[in-house]
C-alpha atoms as a PDB file:
ATOM      1  CA  MET A   1     257.531 -91.225 183.996  1.00  0.00           C
ATOM      2  CA  ALA A   2     259.542 -88.283 182.863  1.00  0.00           C
ATOM      3  CA  THR A   3     260.449 -88.251 179.225  1.00  0.00           C
ATOM      4  CA  THR A   4     263.325 -86.836 177.259  1.00  0.00           C
ATOM      5  CA  HIS A   5     263.673 -85.505 173.954  1.00  0.00           C
ATOM      6  CA  GLU A   6     266.638 -84.660 171.505  1.00  0.00           C
ATOM      7  CA  PRO A   7     267.544 -80.815 171.167  1.00  0.00           C
ATOM      8  CA  ALA A   8     265.441 -79.313 168.460  1.00  0.00           C
ATOM      9  CA  ALA A   9     267.966 -78.799 165.616  1.00  0.00           C
ATOM     10  CA  ASP A  10     267.045 -74.698 165.550  1.00  0.00           C
ATOM     11  CA  ASP A  11     268.182 -74.996 169.362  1.00  0.00           C
ATOM     12  CA  ALA A  12     271.350 -76.552 168.345  1.00  0.00           C
ATOM     13  CA  ALA A  13     271.791 -73.964 165.998  1.00  0.00           C
ATOM     14  CA  HIS A  14     271.024 -71.189 168.181  1.00  0.00           C
ATOM     15  CA  HIS A  15     273.628 -72.716 170.574  1.00  0.00           C
ATOM     16  CA  LYS A  16     276.252 -72.963 168.375  1.00  0.00           C
ATOM     17  CA  ALA A  17     275.643 -69.056 167.133  1.00  0.00           C
ATOM     18  CA  MET A  18     275.922 -67.880 170.610  1.00  0.00           C
ATOM     19  CA  LEU A  19     279.115 -69.960 171.544  1.00  0.00           C
ATOM     20  CA  ALA A  20     280.421 -68.516 168.422  1.00  0.00           C
ATOM     21  CA  LYS A  21     279.454 -64.985 169.510  1.00  0.00           C
ATOM     22  CA  ALA A  22     281.203 -65.711 173.116  1.00  0.00           C
ATOM     23  CA  GLU A  23     284.249 -66.674 171.452  1.00  0.00           C
ATOM     24  CA  THR A  24     284.717 -63.544 169.493  1.00  0.00           C
ATOM     25  CA  LEU A  25     283.891 -61.636 172.849  1.00  0.00           C
ATOM     26  CA  THR A  26     286.778 -63.694 174.072  1.00  0.00           C
ATOM     27  CA  GLU A  27     289.040 -62.943 171.257  1.00  0.00           C
ATOM     28  CA  ALA A  28     288.463 -59.449 171.452  1.00  0.00           C
ATOM     29  CA  LEU A  29     289.049 -59.412 175.582  1.00  0.00           C
ATOM     30  CA  PRO A  30     293.128 -58.590 175.191  1.00  0.00           C
ATOM     31  CA  TYR A  31     292.381 -55.609 172.577  1.00  0.00           C
ATOM     32  CA  LEU A  32     289.721 -54.299 174.660  1.00  0.00           C
ATOM     33  CA  GLN A  33     292.119 -54.343 177.427  1.00  0.00           C
ATOM     34  CA  ARG A  34     295.185 -52.787 175.261  1.00  0.00           C
ATOM     35  CA  TYR A  35     293.030 -50.118 173.873  1.00  0.00           C
ATOM     36  CA  ALA A  36     290.994 -48.506 177.026  1.00  0.00           C
ATOM     37  CA  GLY A  37     291.464 -45.259 177.685  1.00  0.00           C
ATOM     38  CA  LYS A  38     293.224 -44.583 173.916  1.00  0.00           C
ATOM     39  CA  THR A  39     292.428 -42.409 171.262  1.00  0.00           C
ATOM     40  CA  PHE A  40     291.695 -43.222 167.679  1.00  0.00           C
ATOM     41  CA  VAL A  41     291.494 -40.741 164.564  1.00  0.00           C
ATOM     42  CA  VAL A  42     289.181 -41.950 162.321  1.00  0.00           C
ATOM     43  CA  LYS A  43     288.940 -40.505 158.860  1.00  0.00           C
ATOM     44  CA  TYR A  44     285.377 -41.338 157.444  1.00  0.00           C
ATOM     45  CA  GLY A  45     285.073 -40.402 153.612  1.00  0.00           C
ATOM     46  CA  GLY A  46     284.485 -42.072 150.173  1.00  0.00           C
ATOM     47  CA  HIS A  47     281.259 -44.162 148.732  1.00  0.00           C
ATOM     48  CA  ALA A  48     280.549 -45.100 152.335  1.00  0.00           C
ATOM     49  CA  MET A  49     279.172 -42.065 153.178  1.00  0.00           C
ATOM     50  CA  GLY A  50     276.789 -41.890 150.347  1.00  0.00           C
ATOM     51  CA  ASP A  51     275.296 -45.328 152.008  1.00  0.00           C
ATOM     52  CA  PRO A  52     272.660 -45.171 154.566  1.00  0.00           C
ATOM     53  CA  ASP A  53     273.369 -48.376 155.376  1.00  0.00           C
ATOM     54  CA  LEU A  54     277.098 -48.298 155.897  1.00  0.00           C
ATOM     55  CA  ALA A  55     276.955 -44.883 157.829  1.00  0.00           C
ATOM     56  CA  GLN A  56     274.833 -46.683 160.290  1.00  0.00           C
ATOM     57  CA  ASP A  57     276.933 -49.372 160.347  1.00  0.00           C
ATOM     58  CA  PHE A  58     279.894 -46.306 161.022  1.00  0.00           C
ATOM     59  CA  ALA A  59     278.011 -44.621 163.484  1.00  0.00           C
ATOM     60  CA  GLU A  60     277.294 -47.652 165.719  1.00  0.00           C
ATOM     61  CA  ASP A  61     280.989 -48.449 165.809  1.00  0.00           C
ATOM     62  CA  ILE A  62     282.204 -45.368 166.376  1.00  0.00           C
ATOM     63  CA  VAL A  63     279.848 -45.005 169.605  1.00  0.00           C
ATOM     64  CA  LEU A  64     280.535 -48.652 170.251  1.00  0.00           C
ATOM     65  CA  LEU A  65     284.462 -47.550 170.992  1.00  0.00           C
ATOM     66  CA  LYS A  66     283.085 -45.042 173.015  1.00  0.00           C
ATOM     67  CA  ALA A  67     281.034 -47.017 175.170  1.00  0.00           C
ATOM     68  CA  ILE A  68     284.015 -49.924 175.849  1.00  0.00           C
ATOM     69  CA  GLY A  69     286.439 -46.990 176.940  1.00  0.00           C
ATOM     70  CA  ILE A  70     288.329 -45.915 173.794  1.00  0.00           C
ATOM     71  CA  ASN A  71     287.985 -42.288 172.786  1.00  0.00           C
ATOM     72  CA  PRO A  72     287.183 -41.702 169.161  1.00  0.00           C
ATOM     73  CA  VAL A  73     287.947 -38.852 167.031  1.00  0.00           C
ATOM     74  CA  VAL A  74     286.078 -38.604 163.707  1.00  0.00           C
ATOM     75  CA  VAL A  75     287.368 -36.489 160.652  1.00  0.00           C
ATOM     76  CA  HIS A  76     285.247 -36.401 157.545  1.00  0.00           C
ATOM     77  CA  GLY A  77     285.713 -35.333 154.143  1.00  0.00           C
ATOM     78  CA  GLY A  78     283.364 -34.471 151.495  1.00  0.00           C
ATOM     79  CA  GLY A  79     284.808 -34.161 148.016  1.00  0.00           C
ATOM     80  CA  PRO A  80     281.530 -35.797 146.089  1.00  0.00           C
ATOM     81  CA  GLN A  81     279.079 -33.395 148.014  1.00  0.00           C
ATOM     82  CA  ILE A  82     281.132 -30.181 147.190  1.00  0.00           C
ATOM     83  CA  GLY A  83     281.146 -31.107 143.836  1.00  0.00           C
ATOM     84  CA  ARG A  84     277.257 -31.552 143.381  1.00  0.00           C
ATOM     85  CA  MET A  85     277.063 -28.202 145.465  1.00  0.00           C
ATOM     86  CA  LEU A  86     279.503 -26.348 143.124  1.00  0.00           C
ATOM     87  CA  LYS A  87     277.526 -27.989 140.205  1.00  0.00           C
ATOM     88  CA  ALA A  88     274.369 -27.270 141.356  1.00  0.00           C
ATOM     89  CA  LEU A  89     275.006 -23.714 141.371  1.00  0.00           C
ATOM     90  CA  GLY A  90     276.803 -23.424 138.264  1.00  0.00           C
ATOM     91  CA  ILE A  91     280.148 -23.227 139.557  1.00  0.00           C
ATOM     92  CA  GLU A  92     283.207 -24.768 137.196  1.00  0.00           C
ATOM     93  CA  SER A  93     285.544 -27.111 139.603  1.00  0.00           C
ATOM     94  CA  ARG A  94     289.195 -27.634 138.439  1.00  0.00           C
ATOM     95  CA  PHE A  95     291.433 -29.848 139.530  1.00  0.00           C
ATOM     96  CA  VAL A  96     295.491 -30.143 139.809  1.00  0.00           C
ATOM     97  CA  ASP A  97     297.339 -33.221 140.789  1.00  0.00           C
ATOM     98  CA  GLY A  98     294.224 -34.401 142.897  1.00  0.00           C
ATOM     99  CA  LEU A  99     293.262 -30.985 144.381  1.00  0.00           C
ATOM    100  CA  ARG A 100     290.548 -28.904 143.766  1.00  0.00           C
ATOM    101  CA  VAL A 101     291.614 -25.224 142.480  1.00  0.00           C
ATOM    102  CA  THR A 102     289.543 -23.257 145.234  1.00  0.00           C
ATOM    103  CA  ASP A 103     288.902 -19.796 144.629  1.00  0.00           C
ATOM    104  CA  LYS A 104     287.176 -17.486 147.077  1.00  0.00           C
ATOM    105  CA  GLN A 105     283.567 -18.541 146.002  1.00  0.00           C
ATOM    106  CA  THR A 106     284.727 -22.440 146.300  1.00  0.00           C
ATOM    107  CA  ALA A 107     285.915 -21.969 149.403  1.00  0.00           C
ATOM    108  CA  GLU A 108     282.963 -20.383 150.876  1.00  0.00           C
ATOM    109  CA  VAL A 109     280.881 -23.568 149.103  1.00  0.00           C
ATOM    110  CA  ALA A 110     283.516 -25.952 150.883  1.00  0.00           C
ATOM    111  CA  GLU A 111     282.850 -25.066 154.422  1.00  0.00           C
ATOM    112  CA  MET A 112     279.315 -24.745 154.023  1.00  0.00           C
ATOM    113  CA  VAL A 113     278.968 -28.326 152.842  1.00  0.00           C
ATOM    114  CA  LEU A 114     281.862 -29.874 155.206  1.00  0.00           C
ATOM    115  CA  ALA A 115     281.361 -27.751 158.437  1.00  0.00           C
ATOM    116  CA  GLY A 116     277.521 -27.768 157.944  1.00  0.00           C
ATOM    117  CA  ALA A 117     275.459 -30.252 156.138  1.00  0.00           C
ATOM    118  CA  ILE A 118     277.696 -33.144 156.145  1.00  0.00           C
ATOM    119  CA  ASN A 119     278.953 -32.451 159.470  1.00  0.00           C
ATOM    120  CA  LYS A 120     275.833 -32.215 161.141  1.00  0.00           C
ATOM    121  CA  GLU A 121     274.323 -35.239 159.390  1.00  0.00           C
ATOM    122  CA  LEU A 122     277.244 -37.537 161.049  1.00  0.00           C
ATOM    123  CA  VAL A 123     276.204 -35.834 164.286  1.00  0.00           C
ATOM    124  CA  SER A 124     272.777 -37.118 163.883  1.00  0.00           C
ATOM    125  CA  TRP A 125     273.985 -40.570 162.784  1.00  0.00           C
ATOM    126  CA  ILE A 126     276.022 -40.720 165.951  1.00  0.00           C
ATOM    127  CA  ALA A 127     273.169 -39.350 168.157  1.00  0.00           C
ATOM    128  CA  ARG A 128     270.810 -42.314 166.456  1.00  0.00           C
ATOM    129  CA  ALA A 129     272.915 -44.717 167.327  1.00  0.00           C
ATOM    130  CA  GLY A 130     273.149 -43.685 171.052  1.00  0.00           C
ATOM    131  CA  GLY A 131     276.015 -41.593 171.402  1.00  0.00           C
ATOM    132  CA  LYS A 132     276.773 -37.847 171.915  1.00  0.00           C
ATOM    133  CA  ALA A 133     278.766 -36.105 169.457  1.00  0.00           C
ATOM    134  CA  ILE A 134     279.587 -32.491 168.784  1.00  0.00           C
ATOM    135  CA  GLY A 135     280.189 -31.203 165.219  1.00  0.00           C
ATOM    136  CA  ILE A 136     283.336 -28.638 164.995  1.00  0.00           C
ATOM    137  CA  SER A 137     285.667 -27.341 162.261  1.00  0.00           C
ATOM    138  CA  GLY A 138     289.517 -26.854 162.629  1.00  0.00           C
ATOM    139  CA  LYS A 139     288.606 -23.061 162.998  1.00  0.00           C
ATOM    140  CA  ASP A 140     287.020 -23.820 166.317  1.00  0.00           C
ATOM    141  CA  GLY A 141     289.082 -22.812 169.140  1.00  0.00           C
ATOM    142  CA  GLY A 142     291.686 -22.238 166.618  1.00  0.00           C
ATOM    143  CA  MET A 143     292.207 -25.966 166.656  1.00  0.00           C
ATOM    144  CA  VAL A 144     294.033 -26.036 163.123  1.00  0.00           C
ATOM    145  CA  ILE A 145     296.084 -22.845 161.976  1.00  0.00           C
ATOM    146  CA  ALA A 146     296.815 -23.813 158.336  1.00  0.00           C
ATOM    147  CA  ARG A 147     298.776 -22.649 155.733  1.00  0.00           C
ATOM    148  CA  LYS A 148     298.758 -22.395 152.013  1.00  0.00           C
ATOM    149  CA  VAL A 149     299.690 -25.399 150.378  1.00  0.00           C
ATOM    150  CA  GLU A 150     303.254 -24.830 149.112  1.00  0.00           C
ATOM    151  CA  ALA A 151     304.577 -25.913 145.358  1.00  0.00           C
ATOM    152  CA  LYS A 152     306.617 -28.720 146.885  1.00  0.00           C
ATOM    153  CA  LYS A 153     303.702 -29.744 148.476  1.00  0.00           C
ATOM    154  CA  ALA A 154     301.415 -29.933 145.156  1.00  0.00           C
ATOM    155  CA  PRO A 155     303.117 -29.332 141.938  1.00  0.00           C
ATOM    156  CA  LYS A 156     301.237 -26.606 140.120  1.00  0.00           C
ATOM    157  CA  ALA A 157     302.949 -26.422 136.739  1.00  0.00           C
ATOM    158  CA  ILE A 158     300.913 -28.034 134.050  1.00  0.00           C
ATOM    159  CA  ASN A 159     301.029 -27.726 130.116  1.00  0.00           C
ATOM    160  CA  ASP A 160     298.790 -25.418 128.610  1.00  0.00           C
ATOM    161  CA  LYS A 161     296.515 -27.263 125.979  1.00  0.00           C
ATOM    162  CA  ASP A 162     297.254 -24.380 123.464  1.00  0.00           C
ATOM    163  CA  SER A 163     300.288 -23.350 123.596  1.00  0.00           C
ATOM    164  CA  GLY A 164     302.082 -26.478 125.344  1.00  0.00           C
ATOM    165  CA  GLU A 165     303.827 -23.871 127.454  1.00  0.00           C
ATOM    166  CA  GLN A 166     303.965 -24.523 131.556  1.00  0.00           C
ATOM    167  CA  ILE A 167     301.903 -22.443 133.389  1.00  0.00           C
ATOM    168  CA  VAL A 168     301.632 -22.001 137.263  1.00  0.00           C
ATOM    169  CA  VAL A 169     297.996 -22.521 138.784  1.00  0.00           C
ATOM    170  CA  ASP A 170     297.223 -21.134 141.953  1.00  0.00           C
ATOM    171  CA  LEU A 171     295.681 -23.554 143.967  1.00  0.00           C
ATOM    172  CA  GLY A 172     294.126 -20.907 146.078  1.00  0.00           C
ATOM    173  CA  PHE A 173     292.425 -21.560 149.732  1.00  0.00           C
ATOM    174  CA  VAL A 174     293.905 -25.079 149.711  1.00  0.00           C
ATOM    175  CA  GLY A 175     295.628 -25.528 152.565  1.00  0.00           C
ATOM    176  CA  GLU A 176     297.453 -27.863 155.045  1.00  0.00           C
ATOM    177  CA  PRO A 177     298.062 -28.089 159.124  1.00  0.00           C
ATOM    178  CA  ALA A 178     300.586 -25.887 160.236  1.00  0.00           C
ATOM    179  CA  ARG A 179     299.571 -26.316 164.279  1.00  0.00           C
ATOM    180  CA  ILE A 180     297.100 -28.452 166.157  1.00  0.00           C
ATOM    181  CA  ASP A 181     295.906 -27.219 169.266  1.00  0.00           C
ATOM    182  CA  THR A 182     293.918 -30.192 170.477  1.00  0.00           C
ATOM    183  CA  THR A 183     292.151 -28.246 173.565  1.00  0.00           C
ATOM    184  CA  VAL A 184     288.868 -28.379 172.364  1.00  0.00           C
ATOM    185  CA  ILE A 185     289.434 -32.118 171.121  1.00  0.00           C
ATOM    186  CA  ASP A 186     290.488 -32.755 174.723  1.00  0.00           C
ATOM    187  CA  THR A 187     287.920 -30.878 176.578  1.00  0.00           C
ATOM    188  CA  ILE A 188     284.755 -32.574 174.414  1.00  0.00           C
ATOM    189  CA  THR A 189     286.691 -36.208 175.088  1.00  0.00           C
ATOM    190  CA  ALA A 190     286.711 -35.414 179.104  1.00  0.00           C
ATOM    191  CA  ALA A 191     282.963 -34.404 178.404  1.00  0.00           C
ATOM    192  CA  ASN A 192     282.254 -37.916 177.144  1.00  0.00           C
ATOM    193  CA  MET A 193     281.183 -37.033 173.846  1.00  0.00           C
ATOM    194  CA  ILE A 194     282.784 -37.503 170.125  1.00  0.00           C
ATOM    195  CA  PRO A 195     284.359 -34.840 168.302  1.00  0.00           C
ATOM    196  CA  VAL A 196     283.292 -34.714 164.630  1.00  0.00           C
ATOM    197  CA  ILE A 197     285.873 -32.416 162.494  1.00  0.00           C
ATOM    198  CA  ALA A 198     285.065 -30.937 159.421  1.00  0.00           C
ATOM    199  CA  PRO A 199     288.493 -30.462 157.373  1.00  0.00           C
ATOM    200  CA  ILE A 200     288.965 -26.800 157.444  1.00  0.00           C
ATOM    201  CA  GLY A 201     291.265 -24.506 158.861  1.00  0.00           C
ATOM    202  CA  VAL A 202     292.272 -20.833 159.600  1.00  0.00           C
ATOM    203  CA  GLY A 203     295.467 -19.112 158.372  1.00  0.00           C
ATOM    204  CA  GLU A 204     297.462 -16.934 160.501  1.00  0.00           C
ATOM    205  CA  ASP A 205     296.009 -13.955 157.747  1.00  0.00           C
ATOM    206  CA  GLY A 206     292.529 -15.169 158.929  1.00  0.00           C
ATOM    207  CA  GLU A 207     291.574 -16.498 155.531  1.00  0.00           C
ATOM    208  CA  THR A 208     289.534 -19.811 155.650  1.00  0.00           C
ATOM    209  CA  TYR A 209     291.328 -23.196 153.844  1.00  0.00           C
ATOM    210  CA  ASN A 210     289.897 -26.403 152.502  1.00  0.00           C
ATOM    211  CA  ILE A 211     292.197 -29.163 154.048  1.00  0.00           C
ATOM    212  CA  ASN A 212     292.500 -32.518 152.388  1.00  0.00           C
ATOM    213  CA  ALA A 213     290.432 -35.032 155.052  1.00  0.00           C
ATOM    214  CA  ASP A 214     293.641 -37.555 155.385  1.00  0.00           C
ATOM    215  CA  THR A 215     295.903 -34.766 155.895  1.00  0.00           C
ATOM    216  CA  MET A 216     293.979 -33.416 158.367  1.00  0.00           C
ATOM    217  CA  ALA A 217     293.292 -36.414 160.335  1.00  0.00           C
ATOM    218  CA  GLY A 218     297.032 -37.519 160.299  1.00  0.00           C
ATOM    219  CA  ALA A 219     297.967 -34.217 161.833  1.00  0.00           C
ATOM    220  CA  ILE A 220     295.494 -34.315 164.637  1.00  0.00           C
ATOM    221  CA  ALA A 221     296.384 -38.180 164.971  1.00  0.00           C
ATOM    222  CA  ALA A 222     300.156 -37.401 165.679  1.00  0.00           C
ATOM    223  CA  ALA A 223     299.126 -34.509 167.750  1.00  0.00           C
ATOM    224  CA  LEU A 224     297.270 -36.334 170.128  1.00  0.00           C
ATOM    225  CA  GLY A 225     299.540 -39.281 170.221  1.00  0.00           C
ATOM    226  CA  ALA A 226     296.857 -41.478 169.292  1.00  0.00           C
ATOM    227  CA  ALA A 227     297.027 -45.056 169.653  1.00  0.00           C
ATOM    228  CA  ARG A 228     295.488 -45.756 165.711  1.00  0.00           C
ATOM    229  CA  LEU A 229     294.962 -43.360 162.638  1.00  0.00           C
ATOM    230  CA  PHE A 230     292.241 -45.340 160.786  1.00  0.00           C
ATOM    231  CA  LEU A 231     291.632 -44.242 156.933  1.00  0.00           C
ATOM    232  CA  LEU A 232     288.660 -45.729 155.369  1.00  0.00           C
ATOM    233  CA  THR A 233     288.999 -46.087 151.703  1.00  0.00           C
ATOM    234  CA  ASP A 234     287.167 -47.458 148.842  1.00  0.00           C
ATOM    235  CA  VAL A 235     290.132 -50.230 148.474  1.00  0.00           C
ATOM    236  CA  PRO A 236     290.479 -53.117 150.707  1.00  0.00           C
ATOM    237  CA  GLY A 237     294.216 -51.606 151.749  1.00  0.00           C
ATOM    238  CA  VAL A 238     297.396 -51.951 150.221  1.00  0.00           C
ATOM    239  CA  LEU A 239     297.581 -54.653 147.247  1.00  0.00           C
ATOM    240  CA  ASP A 240     300.739 -56.213 146.094  1.00  0.00           C
ATOM    241  CA  LYS A 241     300.949 -56.698 142.448  1.00  0.00           C
ATOM    242  CA  GLU A 242     299.152 -60.009 142.493  1.00  0.00           C
ATOM    243  CA  ARG A 243     296.366 -58.077 144.243  1.00  0.00           C
ATOM    244  CA  ARG A 244     296.819 -59.722 147.703  1.00  0.00           C
ATOM    245  CA  LEU A 245     296.407 -57.658 150.676  1.00  0.00           C
ATOM    246  CA  LEU A 246     299.582 -56.591 152.295  1.00  0.00           C
ATOM    247  CA  THR A 247     298.680 -56.446 156.113  1.00  0.00           C
ATOM    248  CA  ASP A 248     301.468 -54.866 157.882  1.00  0.00           C
ATOM    249  CA  LEU A 249     304.093 -52.108 156.396  1.00  0.00           C
ATOM    250  CA  THR A 250     306.774 -49.900 157.801  1.00  0.00           C
ATOM    251  CA  PRO A 251     307.992 -46.644 156.329  1.00  0.00           C
ATOM    252  CA  ALA A 252     310.951 -48.224 154.400  1.00  0.00           C
ATOM    253  CA  ASP A 253     308.295 -51.024 152.936  1.00  0.00           C
ATOM    254  CA  ILE A 254     306.154 -47.897 151.188  1.00  0.00           C
ATOM    255  CA  ASN A 255     309.356 -46.568 149.794  1.00  0.00           C
ATOM    256  CA  ARG A 256     310.284 -49.644 148.137  1.00  0.00           C
ATOM    257  CA  LEU A 257     306.820 -50.421 147.274  1.00  0.00           C
ATOM    258  CA  ALA A 258     306.339 -46.786 145.624  1.00  0.00           C
ATOM    259  CA  GLU A 259     309.951 -47.065 143.445  1.00  0.00           C
ATOM    260  CA  ASP A 260     308.861 -50.152 142.012  1.00  0.00           C
ATOM    261  CA  GLY A 261     305.533 -49.264 140.934  1.00  0.00           C
ATOM    262  CA  THR A 262     303.387 -51.469 143.791  1.00  0.00           C
ATOM    263  CA  ILE A 263     301.755 -48.713 145.197  1.00  0.00           C
ATOM    264  CA  SER A 264     300.620 -45.577 142.719  1.00  0.00           C
ATOM    265  CA  GLY A 265     298.020 -42.878 142.134  1.00  0.00           C
ATOM    266  CA  GLY A 266     295.789 -41.850 145.037  1.00  0.00           C
ATOM    267  CA  MET A 267     297.157 -44.368 147.551  1.00  0.00           C
ATOM    268  CA  ILE A 268     300.620 -42.798 147.731  1.00  0.00           C
ATOM    269  CA  PRO A 269     299.343 -39.609 149.339  1.00  0.00           C
ATOM    270  CA  LYS A 270     297.446 -41.709 151.794  1.00  0.00           C
ATOM    271  CA  LEU A 271     300.388 -43.803 152.647  1.00  0.00           C
ATOM    272  CA  GLU A 272     302.436 -40.587 153.142  1.00  0.00           C
ATOM    273  CA  THR A 273     299.964 -39.138 155.785  1.00  0.00           C
ATOM    274  CA  CYS A 274     300.176 -42.597 157.338  1.00  0.00           C
ATOM    275  CA  VAL A 275     303.900 -42.315 157.701  1.00  0.00           C
ATOM    276  CA  HIS A 276     303.771 -38.954 158.657  1.00  0.00           C
ATOM    277  CA  ALA A 277     301.641 -39.570 161.363  1.00  0.00           C
ATOM    278  CA  VAL A 278     303.431 -42.326 162.695  1.00  0.00           C
ATOM    279  CA  GLU A 279     306.773 -40.616 162.687  1.00  0.00           C
ATOM    280  CA  ALA A 280     305.295 -38.086 164.290  1.00  0.00           C
ATOM    281  CA  GLY A 281     303.342 -39.621 167.316  1.00  0.00           C
ATOM    282  CA  CYS A 282     300.740 -41.756 166.369  1.00  0.00           C
ATOM    283  CA  GLU A 283     301.726 -45.629 167.221  1.00  0.00           C
ATOM    284  CA  ALA A 284     300.109 -46.922 164.316  1.00  0.00           C
ATOM    285  CA  ALA A 285     297.910 -46.179 160.859  1.00  0.00           C
ATOM    286  CA  VAL A 286     295.547 -47.997 159.291  1.00  0.00           C
ATOM    287  CA  VAL A 287     293.940 -48.061 155.588  1.00  0.00           C
ATOM    288  CA  LEU A 288     290.978 -50.348 155.336  1.00  0.00           C
ATOM    289  CA  ASP A 289     287.641 -50.239 153.170  1.00  0.00           C
ATOM    290  CA  GLY A 290     285.204 -48.539 154.723  1.00  0.00           C
ATOM    291  CA  ARG A 291     282.403 -50.154 152.284  1.00  0.00           C
ATOM    292  CA  VAL A 292     282.857 -53.495 154.425  1.00  0.00           C
ATOM    293  CA  PRO A 293     280.411 -53.240 157.309  1.00  0.00           C
ATOM    294  CA  HIS A 294     282.085 -53.069 160.690  1.00  0.00           C
ATOM    295  CA  ALA A 295     285.612 -53.323 159.166  1.00  0.00           C
ATOM    296  CA  MET A 296     287.121 -51.356 162.007  1.00  0.00           C
ATOM    297  CA  LEU A 297     285.955 -53.293 164.492  1.00  0.00           C
ATOM    298  CA  ILE A 298     287.392 -56.503 162.618  1.00  0.00           C
ATOM    299  CA  GLU A 299     290.260 -54.862 162.309  1.00  0.00           C
ATOM    300  CA  ILE A 300     291.043 -53.559 166.118  1.00  0.00           C
ATOM    301  CA  PHE A 301     289.282 -56.836 168.046  1.00  0.00           C
ATOM    302  CA  THR A 302     290.681 -59.698 165.762  1.00  0.00           C
ATOM    303  CA  ALA A 303     294.295 -61.253 165.630  1.00  0.00           C
ATOM    304  CA  ARG A 304     293.610 -61.492 161.515  1.00  0.00           C
ATOM    305  CA  GLY A 305     292.464 -57.629 160.928  1.00  0.00           C
ATOM    306  CA  ALA A 306     290.750 -56.014 157.624  1.00  0.00           C
ATOM    307  CA  GLY A 307     293.028 -53.772 156.212  1.00  0.00           C
ATOM    308  CA  THR A 308     296.734 -52.790 156.315  1.00  0.00           C
ATOM    309  CA  LEU A 309     298.413 -51.611 159.265  1.00  0.00           C
ATOM    310  CA  ILE A 310     301.672 -49.085 158.939  1.00  0.00           C
ATOM    311  CA  ARG A 311     303.989 -48.418 161.876  1.00  0.00           C
ATOM    312  CA  ALA A 312     307.744 -47.323 162.277  1.00  0.00           C
END
């Protein structure tokens, strides 16, 4: 006579886990359909860049996006790595309003670190995750024509420590995108590969300019008409005065929060980048914590999300 037995506890737990995964995929379905064929621009930087586990997670997320029909474009930073290289070479760093004063020697080091070591390391992480990436900088193919940062964008008048008088500081080879030609990005994407872009541009005068990675990513997202701009940071997103996450903001909300002091410091230029991007052609921008494993996937494929969404 046949016998029966109750399912083992581990079998039941396994079934429950598999069901949860299936439900997650079902929840993701409408987002998969919505974003198929769309472009996402992802700015990767902060402390996540120095953590091998988070770097692997990031690379896997980027490869996954490409595999399901989304076209990711990665723009990376590298300020801490530049600082360490300058220190190793005995070159002193100076900052004004959060921007590194970049003389000719510093610009050469920045390009070496950004377009060389960091860029190729990211390409290799993506390759290890099963993707195909090409590392470039804004100089390649005339992709980013830069102009020198003007005083209105970065006030350079500071008080001299000795005399107390105001002096003007030339930020040197610090630039911002003046024009974006997306031909190179479009070509790489059409070849089913992932562009990984270092934030370096070339001026009309032929000089090389170091560009803030957030600013670079925002300009590229606008030029591409991207569905999303993701700024991976070291904070969960935009927080209110009670330290609660604000999940949806408009440019008007951001102006109000800046005026009442809810947002301040380094978050202000990040949000300005998001506002400029969405007002210039990007559908929406997201500020989220790059230190959280797979935060970008949670933001994209779940109803709750994981960061702060900004749209016009």
